[in-house]
Amino acid sequence: MRRMKLFVVLVLALLALAITGLSGCGTIEGFGRDVQTGGEAIEEAAERDNGY
């Protein structure tokens, strides 16, 4: 009986982890775009400061 409860908890935890991971794909993509935009802004500022 105790093994069955442990198995159910483990399956539910893995399912929750999988759902969270799959739903995070859009969030990670958006984060990547934000980082890229920030990097471009830093690059442009550095070019202005160096007179390029």
N, C-alpha and C. Protein backbone atom coordinates (compact mmCIF):
# COMPACT_ATOMS: atom_id res chain seq x y z
N MET A 1 0.83 -1.20 0.00
CA MET A 1 0.00 0.00 0.00
C MET A 1 0.87 1.25 0.00
N ARG A 2 1.90 1.24 0.83
CA ARG A 2 2.78 2.40 0.92
C ARG A 2 3.54 2.62 -0.39
N ARG A 3 3.92 1.53 -1.04
CA ARG A 3 4.61 1.63 -2.33
C ARG A 3 3.71 2.25 -3.39
N MET A 4 2.44 1.92 -3.35
CA MET A 4 1.50 2.45 -4.32
C MET A 4 1.35 3.96 -4.16
N LYS A 5 1.28 4.44 -2.92
CA LYS A 5 1.19 5.87 -2.67
C LYS A 5 2.45 6.58 -3.15
N LEU A 6 3.60 6.01 -2.91
CA LEU A 6 4.86 6.58 -3.36
C LEU A 6 4.90 6.65 -4.89
N PHE A 7 4.43 5.59 -5.54
CA PHE A 7 4.39 5.55 -7.00
C PHE A 7 3.46 6.63 -7.54
N VAL A 8 2.30 6.81 -6.95
CA VAL A 8 1.34 7.81 -7.40
C VAL A 8 1.92 9.21 -7.22
N VAL A 9 2.55 9.48 -6.10
CA VAL A 9 3.16 10.78 -5.85
C VAL A 9 4.27 11.03 -6.85
N LEU A 10 5.08 10.03 -7.14
CA LEU A 10 6.17 10.17 -8.10
C LEU A 10 5.64 10.46 -9.51
N VAL A 11 4.61 9.74 -9.91
CA VAL A 11 4.02 9.97 -11.24
C VAL A 11 3.42 11.37 -11.33
N LEU A 12 2.73 11.80 -10.31
CA LEU A 12 2.14 13.15 -10.31
C LEU A 12 3.22 14.23 -10.34
N ALA A 13 4.31 14.01 -9.61
CA ALA A 13 5.40 14.98 -9.61
C ALA A 13 6.05 15.05 -10.99
N LEU A 14 6.27 13.92 -11.63
CA LEU A 14 6.85 13.91 -12.97
C LEU A 14 5.91 14.56 -13.98
N LEU A 15 4.63 14.33 -13.84
CA LEU A 15 3.65 14.95 -14.73
C LEU A 15 3.65 16.47 -14.56
N ALA A 16 3.69 16.93 -13.33
CA ALA A 16 3.73 18.37 -13.07
C ALA A 16 5.01 18.98 -13.63
N LEU A 17 6.12 18.30 -13.50
CA LEU A 17 7.38 18.78 -14.04
C LEU A 17 7.33 18.85 -15.56
N ALA A 18 6.75 17.86 -16.20
CA ALA A 18 6.64 17.85 -17.66
C ALA A 18 5.75 18.99 -18.15
N ILE A 19 4.64 19.20 -17.49
CA ILE A 19 3.73 20.28 -17.88
C ILE A 19 4.40 21.64 -17.71
N THR A 20 5.10 21.81 -16.61
CA THR A 20 5.81 23.06 -16.36
C THR A 20 6.88 23.29 -17.42
N GLY A 21 7.61 22.25 -17.75
CA GLY A 21 8.65 22.38 -18.76
C GLY A 21 8.10 22.72 -20.13
N LEU A 22 7.01 22.11 -20.50
CA LEU A 22 6.42 22.37 -21.81
C LEU A 22 5.82 23.77 -21.88
N SER A 23 5.23 24.22 -20.81
CA SER A 23 4.64 25.56 -20.82
C SER A 23 5.71 26.63 -20.74
N GLY A 24 6.89 26.29 -20.26
CA GLY A 24 7.97 27.26 -20.14
C GLY A 24 8.67 27.54 -21.46
N CYS A 25 8.41 26.76 -22.49
CA CYS A 25 9.09 26.96 -23.77
C CYS A 25 8.86 28.37 -24.32
N GLY A 26 7.63 28.84 -24.28
CA GLY A 26 7.34 30.18 -24.76
C GLY A 26 8.01 31.23 -23.90
N THR A 27 8.08 31.00 -22.62
CA THR A 27 8.71 31.94 -21.71
C THR A 27 10.20 32.03 -21.98
N ILE A 28 10.83 30.91 -22.21
CA ILE A 28 12.28 30.89 -22.47
C ILE A 28 12.57 31.57 -23.80
N GLU A 29 11.71 31.37 -24.78
CA GLU A 29 11.90 32.02 -26.08
C GLU A 29 11.82 33.54 -25.91
N GLY A 30 10.84 34.00 -25.16
CA GLY A 30 10.70 35.43 -24.91
C GLY A 30 11.89 35.99 -24.14
N PHE A 31 12.39 35.22 -23.19
CA PHE A 31 13.56 35.64 -22.41
C PHE A 31 14.77 35.76 -23.33
N GLY A 32 14.91 34.84 -24.26
CA GLY A 32 16.02 34.90 -25.21
C GLY A 32 15.96 36.15 -26.08
N ARG A 33 14.76 36.50 -26.50
CA ARG A 33 14.61 37.73 -27.30
C ARG A 33 14.97 38.96 -26.46
N ASP A 34 14.56 38.98 -25.20
CA ASP A 34 14.88 40.11 -24.32
C ASP A 34 16.39 40.24 -24.13
N VAL A 35 17.07 39.12 -23.93
CA VAL A 35 18.52 39.15 -23.75
C VAL A 35 19.19 39.64 -25.02
N GLN A 36 18.70 39.18 -26.17
CA GLN A 36 19.27 39.61 -27.44
C GLN A 36 19.09 41.12 -27.63
N THR A 37 17.91 41.63 -27.34
CA THR A 37 17.64 43.06 -27.47
C THR A 37 18.54 43.86 -26.53
N GLY A 38 18.71 43.37 -25.32
CA GLY A 38 19.60 44.04 -24.37
C GLY A 38 21.05 44.04 -24.86
N GLY A 39 21.49 42.94 -25.43
CA GLY A 39 22.84 42.86 -25.97
C GLY A 39 23.05 43.81 -27.12
N GLU A 40 22.04 43.94 -27.97
CA GLU A 40 22.14 44.88 -29.09
C GLU A 40 22.22 46.32 -28.59
N ALA A 41 21.47 46.64 -27.55
CA ALA A 41 21.51 48.00 -26.99
C ALA A 41 22.88 48.29 -26.40
N ILE A 42 23.48 47.31 -25.73
CA ILE A 42 24.81 47.49 -25.16
C ILE A 42 25.83 47.67 -26.28
N GLU A 43 25.70 46.87 -27.32
CA GLU A 43 26.62 46.97 -28.46
C GLU A 43 26.52 48.35 -29.12
N GLU A 44 25.32 48.84 -29.32
CA GLU A 44 25.13 50.16 -29.94
C GLU A 44 25.72 51.26 -29.06
N ALA A 45 25.53 51.15 -27.75
CA ALA A 45 26.08 52.16 -26.83
C ALA A 45 27.61 52.12 -26.86
N ALA A 46 28.18 50.94 -26.92
CA ALA A 46 29.64 50.83 -26.98
C ALA A 46 30.17 51.42 -28.29
N GLU A 47 29.46 51.19 -29.38
CA GLU A 47 29.90 51.74 -30.66
C GLU A 47 29.82 53.27 -30.66
N ARG A 48 28.79 53.84 -30.02
CA ARG A 48 28.68 55.29 -29.92
C ARG A 48 29.82 55.88 -29.09
N ASP A 49 30.15 55.20 -28.00
CA ASP A 49 31.21 55.69 -27.12
C ASP A 49 32.58 55.60 -27.77
N ASN A 50 32.78 54.62 -28.63
CA ASN A 50 34.08 54.46 -29.29
C ASN A 50 34.14 55.21 -30.61
N GLY A 51 33.09 55.86 -31.02
CA GLY A 51 33.09 56.65 -32.23
C GLY A 51 32.98 55.84 -33.52
N TYR A 52 32.49 54.62 -33.43
CA TYR A 52 32.35 53.79 -34.64
C TYR A 52 31.11 54.17 -35.40
